[in-house]
C-alpha atoms as a PDB file:
ATOM      1  CA  UNK A   1      23.128  97.601  22.028  1.00  0.00           C
ATOM      2  CA  UNK A   2      25.456  97.490  25.066  1.00  0.00           C
ATOM      3  CA  UNK A   3      27.888  95.294  23.137  1.00  0.00           C
ATOM      4  CA  UNK A   4      28.078  97.826  20.254  1.00  0.00           C
ATOM      5  CA  UNK A   5      28.596 100.653  22.737  1.00  0.00           C
ATOM      6  CA  UNK A   6      31.461  98.789  24.445  1.00  0.00           C
ATOM      7  CA  UNK A   7      33.085  98.035  21.089  1.00  0.00           C
ATOM      8  CA  UNK A   8      32.819 101.698  20.072  1.00  0.00           C
ATOM      9  CA  UNK A   9      34.392 102.825  23.362  1.00  0.00           C
ATOM     10  CA  UNK A  10      37.193 100.254  22.971  1.00  0.00           C
ATOM     11  CA  UNK A  11      37.928 101.501  19.436  1.00  0.00           C
ATOM     12  CA  UNK A  12      37.946 105.135  20.581  1.00  0.00           C
ATOM     13  CA  UNK A  13      40.349 104.297  23.406  1.00  0.00           C
ATOM     14  CA  UNK A  14      42.730 102.118  21.370  1.00  0.00           C
ATOM     15  CA  UNK A  15      42.778 104.106  18.129  1.00  0.00           C
ATOM     16  CA  UNK A  16      45.200 106.805  19.389  1.00  0.00           C
ATOM     17  CA  UNK A  17      47.591 104.092  20.602  1.00  0.00           C
ATOM     18  CA  UNK A  18      47.510 102.407  17.207  1.00  0.00           C
ATOM     19  CA  UNK A  19      48.034 105.700  15.365  1.00  0.00           C
ATOM     20  CA  UNK A  20      50.960 106.559  17.675  1.00  0.00           C
ATOM     21  CA  UNK A  21      52.740 103.418  16.465  1.00  0.00           C
ATOM     22  CA  UNK A  22      53.104 105.065  13.039  1.00  0.00           C
ATOM     23  CA  UNK A  23      54.012 108.600  14.138  1.00  0.00           C
ATOM     24  CA  UNK A  24      57.656 109.630  14.272  1.00  0.00           C
ATOM     25  CA  UNK A  25      58.981 110.179  17.772  1.00  0.00           C
ATOM     26  CA  UNK A  26      61.657 112.787  17.139  1.00  0.00           C
ATOM     27  CA  UNK A  27      61.970 116.215  15.594  1.00  0.00           C
ATOM     28  CA  UNK A  28      64.700 118.712  14.749  1.00  0.00           C
ATOM     29  CA  UNK A  29      64.309 122.428  14.300  1.00  0.00           C
ATOM     30  CA  UNK A  30      67.044 124.624  12.810  1.00  0.00           C
ATOM     31  CA  UNK A  31      67.115 128.352  12.140  1.00  0.00           C
ATOM     32  CA  UNK A  32      69.828 130.640  10.823  1.00  0.00           C
ATOM     33  CA  UNK A  33      70.786 134.286  10.594  1.00  0.00           C
ATOM     34  CA  UNK A  34      73.428 136.263   8.718  1.00  0.00           C
ATOM     35  CA  UNK A  35      75.540 138.506  10.963  1.00  0.00           C
ATOM     36  CA  UNK A  36      77.744 141.272   9.623  1.00  0.00           C
ATOM     37  CA  UNK A  37      80.793 140.351  11.677  1.00  0.00           C
ATOM     38  CA  UNK A  38      83.759 138.028  11.092  1.00  0.00           C
ATOM     39  CA  UNK A  39      83.289 134.409  12.101  1.00  0.00           C
ATOM     40  CA  UNK A  40      85.935 134.661  14.832  1.00  0.00           C
ATOM     41  CA  UNK A  41      84.012 137.492  16.512  1.00  0.00           C
ATOM     42  CA  UNK A  42      80.684 135.685  16.320  1.00  0.00           C
ATOM     43  CA  UNK A  43      82.033 132.352  17.553  1.00  0.00           C
ATOM     44  CA  UNK A  44      83.992 134.116  20.282  1.00  0.00           C
ATOM     45  CA  UNK A  45      80.679 135.434  21.593  1.00  0.00           C
ATOM     46  CA  UNK A  46      78.353 132.438  21.187  1.00  0.00           C
ATOM     47  CA  UNK A  47      80.747 129.912  22.725  1.00  0.00           C
ATOM     48  CA  UNK A  48      80.022 131.387  26.155  1.00  0.00           C
ATOM     49  CA  UNK A  49      76.757 130.006  27.544  1.00  0.00           C
ATOM     50  CA  UNK A  50      76.396 132.987  29.868  1.00  0.00           C
ATOM     51  CA  UNK A  51      75.975 135.206  26.782  1.00  0.00           C
ATOM     52  CA  UNK A  52      72.723 133.387  25.985  1.00  0.00           C
ATOM     53  CA  UNK A  53      71.189 135.501  28.765  1.00  0.00           C
ATOM     54  CA  UNK A  54      71.403 138.444  26.374  1.00  0.00           C
ATOM     55  CA  UNK A  55      69.936 136.879  23.235  1.00  0.00           C
ATOM     56  CA  UNK A  56      67.980 133.691  24.022  1.00  0.00           C
ATOM     57  CA  UNK A  57      64.229 134.111  24.427  1.00  0.00           C
ATOM     58  CA  UNK A  58      64.152 131.335  27.014  1.00  0.00           C
ATOM     59  CA  UNK A  59      66.722 133.080  29.217  1.00  0.00           C
ATOM     60  CA  UNK A  60      64.681 136.284  29.120  1.00  0.00           C
ATOM     61  CA  UNK A  61      61.257 134.830  30.027  1.00  0.00           C
ATOM     62  CA  UNK A  62      61.938 134.987  33.770  1.00  0.00           C
ATOM     63  CA  UNK A  63      64.530 137.570  34.845  1.00  0.00           C
ATOM     64  CA  UNK A  64      64.112 136.315  38.441  1.00  0.00           C
ATOM     65  CA  UNK A  65      65.227 132.744  37.698  1.00  0.00           C
ATOM     66  CA  UNK A  66      68.050 131.357  39.799  1.00  0.00           C
ATOM     67  CA  UNK A  67      71.168 130.341  37.881  1.00  0.00           C
ATOM     68  CA  UNK A  68      74.247 128.388  38.808  1.00  0.00           C
ATOM     69  CA  UNK A  69      77.347 127.412  36.883  1.00  0.00           C
ATOM     70  CA  UNK A  70      79.929 124.623  36.962  1.00  0.00           C
ATOM     71  CA  UNK A  71      83.228 124.616  35.135  1.00  0.00           C
ATOM     72  CA  UNK A  72      84.784 127.161  32.815  1.00  0.00           C
ATOM     73  CA  UNK A  73      82.399 128.949  30.465  1.00  0.00           C
ATOM     74  CA  UNK A  74      83.247 128.501  26.811  1.00  0.00           C
ATOM     75  CA  UNK A  75      84.822 125.083  27.387  1.00  0.00           C
ATOM     76  CA  UNK A  76      83.556 121.521  27.058  1.00  0.00           C
ATOM     77  CA  UNK A  77      81.976 120.405  30.332  1.00  0.00           C
ATOM     78  CA  UNK A  78      80.657 123.822  31.356  1.00  0.00           C
ATOM     79  CA  UNK A  79      77.144 123.572  32.824  1.00  0.00           C
ATOM     80  CA  UNK A  80      74.643 126.386  33.137  1.00  0.00           C
ATOM     81  CA  UNK A  81      71.704 125.439  35.384  1.00  0.00           C
ATOM     82  CA  UNK A  82      68.468 127.308  35.997  1.00  0.00           C
ATOM     83  CA  UNK A  83      65.490 127.182  38.333  1.00  0.00           C
ATOM     84  CA  UNK A  84      62.279 129.099  37.796  1.00  0.00           C
ATOM     85  CA  UNK A  85      58.702 128.847  38.967  1.00  0.00           C
ATOM     86  CA  UNK A  86      57.559 130.166  35.569  1.00  0.00           C
ATOM     87  CA  UNK A  87      55.884 127.206  33.778  1.00  0.00           C
ATOM     88  CA  UNK A  88      57.598 128.001  30.460  1.00  0.00           C
ATOM     89  CA  UNK A  89      61.048 127.916  32.091  1.00  0.00           C
ATOM     90  CA  UNK A  90      61.030 125.334  34.882  1.00  0.00           C
ATOM     91  CA  UNK A  91      64.244 123.703  36.080  1.00  0.00           C
ATOM     92  CA  UNK A  92      67.058 122.323  34.007  1.00  0.00           C
ATOM     93  CA  UNK A  93      70.604 122.638  32.813  1.00  0.00           C
ATOM     94  CA  UNK A  94      72.603 122.992  29.629  1.00  0.00           C
ATOM     95  CA  UNK A  95      76.059 121.511  29.150  1.00  0.00           C
ATOM     96  CA  UNK A  96      78.664 122.103  26.464  1.00  0.00           C
ATOM     97  CA  UNK A  97      79.297 118.570  25.210  1.00  0.00           C
ATOM     98  CA  UNK A  98      81.697 119.181  22.314  1.00  0.00           C
ATOM     99  CA  UNK A  99      83.264 122.075  20.488  1.00  0.00           C
ATOM    100  CA  UNK A 100      85.138 122.539  17.247  1.00  0.00           C
ATOM    101  CA  UNK A 101      86.761 125.903  17.895  1.00  0.00           C
ATOM    102  CA  UNK A 102      85.481 128.553  15.547  1.00  0.00           C
ATOM    103  CA  UNK A 103      82.990 126.164  13.917  1.00  0.00           C
ATOM    104  CA  UNK A 104      80.496 124.326  16.130  1.00  0.00           C
ATOM    105  CA  UNK A 105      79.249 123.902  19.687  1.00  0.00           C
ATOM    106  CA  UNK A 106      77.190 120.886  20.751  1.00  0.00           C
ATOM    107  CA  UNK A 107      75.004 121.155  23.833  1.00  0.00           C
ATOM    108  CA  UNK A 108      72.879 118.835  25.877  1.00  0.00           C
ATOM    109  CA  UNK A 109      69.806 120.330  27.496  1.00  0.00           C
ATOM    110  CA  UNK A 110      68.445 118.444  30.471  1.00  0.00           C
ATOM    111  CA  UNK A 111      64.964 119.532  31.455  1.00  0.00           C
ATOM    112  CA  UNK A 112      64.009 118.482  34.977  1.00  0.00           C
ATOM    113  CA  UNK A 113      60.775 120.304  35.772  1.00  0.00           C
ATOM    114  CA  UNK A 114      57.882 120.612  34.823  1.00  0.00           C
ATOM    115  CA  UNK A 115      58.809 117.582  32.679  1.00  0.00           C
ATOM    116  CA  UNK A 116      61.923 115.470  32.250  1.00  0.00           C
ATOM    117  CA  UNK A 117      63.653 115.330  28.893  1.00  0.00           C
ATOM    118  CA  UNK A 118      67.124 115.327  27.409  1.00  0.00           C
ATOM    119  CA  UNK A 119      67.589 117.171  24.138  1.00  0.00           C
ATOM    120  CA  UNK A 120      70.678 117.836  22.064  1.00  0.00           C
ATOM    121  CA  UNK A 121      71.216 121.230  20.459  1.00  0.00           C
ATOM    122  CA  UNK A 122      73.982 122.911  18.495  1.00  0.00           C
ATOM    123  CA  UNK A 123      75.232 126.189  17.069  1.00  0.00           C
ATOM    124  CA  UNK A 124      77.302 126.375  13.902  1.00  0.00           C
ATOM    125  CA  UNK A 125      79.174 129.382  12.518  1.00  0.00           C
ATOM    126  CA  UNK A 126      80.096 129.523   8.818  1.00  0.00           C
ATOM    127  CA  UNK A 127      81.875 132.116   6.718  1.00  0.00           C
ATOM    128  CA  UNK A 128      79.322 133.800   4.469  1.00  0.00           C
ATOM    129  CA  UNK A 129      81.503 136.398   2.804  1.00  0.00           C
ATOM    130  CA  UNK A 130      83.882 139.100   3.872  1.00  0.00           C
ATOM    131  CA  UNK A 131      83.063 139.977   7.487  1.00  0.00           C
ATOM    132  CA  UNK A 132      79.819 138.006   7.365  1.00  0.00           C
ATOM    133  CA  UNK A 133      78.915 134.913   9.345  1.00  0.00           C
ATOM    134  CA  UNK A 134      75.981 132.543   9.017  1.00  0.00           C
ATOM    135  CA  UNK A 135      74.896 131.219  12.412  1.00  0.00           C
ATOM    136  CA  UNK A 136      72.746 128.107  12.606  1.00  0.00           C
ATOM    137  CA  UNK A 137      71.028 127.195  15.861  1.00  0.00           C
ATOM    138  CA  UNK A 138      69.237 123.872  16.180  1.00  0.00           C
ATOM    139  CA  UNK A 139      67.320 121.908  18.758  1.00  0.00           C
ATOM    140  CA  UNK A 140      66.352 118.253  18.690  1.00  0.00           C
ATOM    141  CA  UNK A 141      63.599 116.620  20.686  1.00  0.00           C
ATOM    142  CA  UNK A 142      62.002 113.273  21.268  1.00  0.00           C
ATOM    143  CA  UNK A 143      58.587 112.194  22.487  1.00  0.00           C
ATOM    144  CA  UNK A 144      58.261 108.585  23.558  1.00  0.00           C
ATOM    145  CA  UNK A 145      55.328 106.393  22.590  1.00  0.00           C
ATOM    146  CA  UNK A 146      52.414 106.997  23.081  1.00  0.00           C
ATOM    147  CA  UNK A 147      53.004 110.719  23.746  1.00  0.00           C
ATOM    148  CA  UNK A 148      54.530 111.022  20.269  1.00  0.00           C
ATOM    149  CA  UNK A 149      50.964 111.336  18.952  1.00  0.00           C
ATOM    150  CA  UNK A 150      51.188 114.968  20.155  1.00  0.00           C
ATOM    151  CA  UNK A 151      53.551 115.598  17.235  1.00  0.00           C
ATOM    152  CA  UNK A 152      50.485 115.378  15.000  1.00  0.00           C
ATOM    153  CA  UNK A 153      48.836 118.246  16.855  1.00  0.00           C
ATOM    154  CA  UNK A 154      51.696 120.496  17.966  1.00  0.00           C
ATOM    155  CA  UNK A 155      53.834 122.342  15.443  1.00  0.00           C
ATOM    156  CA  UNK A 156      57.233 122.161  17.141  1.00  0.00           C
ATOM    157  CA  UNK A 157      58.838 123.475  13.947  1.00  0.00           C
ATOM    158  CA  UNK A 158      56.938 126.733  14.452  1.00  0.00           C
ATOM    159  CA  UNK A 159      56.893 126.897  18.260  1.00  0.00           C
ATOM    160  CA  UNK A 160      60.575 126.177  18.824  1.00  0.00           C
ATOM    161  CA  UNK A 161      61.642 127.635  15.484  1.00  0.00           C
ATOM    162  CA  UNK A 162      60.121 131.030  16.291  1.00  0.00           C
ATOM    163  CA  UNK A 163      61.984 131.072  19.629  1.00  0.00           C
ATOM    164  CA  UNK A 164      65.276 130.106  17.973  1.00  0.00           C
ATOM    165  CA  UNK A 165      64.800 132.763  15.288  1.00  0.00           C
ATOM    166  CA  UNK A 166      64.046 135.456  17.867  1.00  0.00           C
ATOM    167  CA  UNK A 167      67.231 134.510  19.704  1.00  0.00           C
ATOM    168  CA  UNK A 168      69.266 134.657  16.503  1.00  0.00           C
ATOM    169  CA  UNK A 169      67.733 138.011  15.574  1.00  0.00           C
ATOM    170  CA  UNK A 170      68.640 139.321  19.048  1.00  0.00           C
ATOM    171  CA  UNK A 171      72.177 137.951  18.597  1.00  0.00           C
ATOM    172  CA  UNK A 172      72.475 139.812  15.284  1.00  0.00           C
ATOM    173  CA  UNK A 173      71.457 143.103  16.909  1.00  0.00           C
ATOM    174  CA  UNK A 174      73.937 142.630  19.768  1.00  0.00           C
ATOM    175  CA  UNK A 175      76.884 141.719  17.528  1.00  0.00           C
ATOM    176  CA  UNK A 176      76.227 144.362  14.901  1.00  0.00           C
ATOM    177  CA  UNK A 177      76.019 147.287  17.374  1.00  0.00           C
END
């Protein structure tokens, strides 16, 4: 009886580790919005990281967070750092890694607290008609083994996607005023 119990416990303990071997470890979430403004106007606004304070949900969670900046905003190498005691904000920084002027901005987000992670993100602006611009905002993440099993239980597409969409909807309101 004790032997069967020990085997059952061993199976229960090892099963998640075995399942995690077959679960993907990365995810990407992308959302988009159509803004009734020319592409040059939209890109001219989104290329500045400081403007994310006005439209990003994450920047608005804790108005008391401490921010610091390095470099020239709107240029490759600019870093926007934040520190907050709010558990949904934590500490981290975002850096502009690459930019195709008028087209695309690539970022690297470095989360430091409450967990450490490095995640790429990007924004793309595309012509969508006369005085209309499609903006795509995407975030990529990775969960190392065995924590990647959480991807089976957490819907990052919805969680992060809803936050990205809210930010894009806020951006639309700001730029169409």
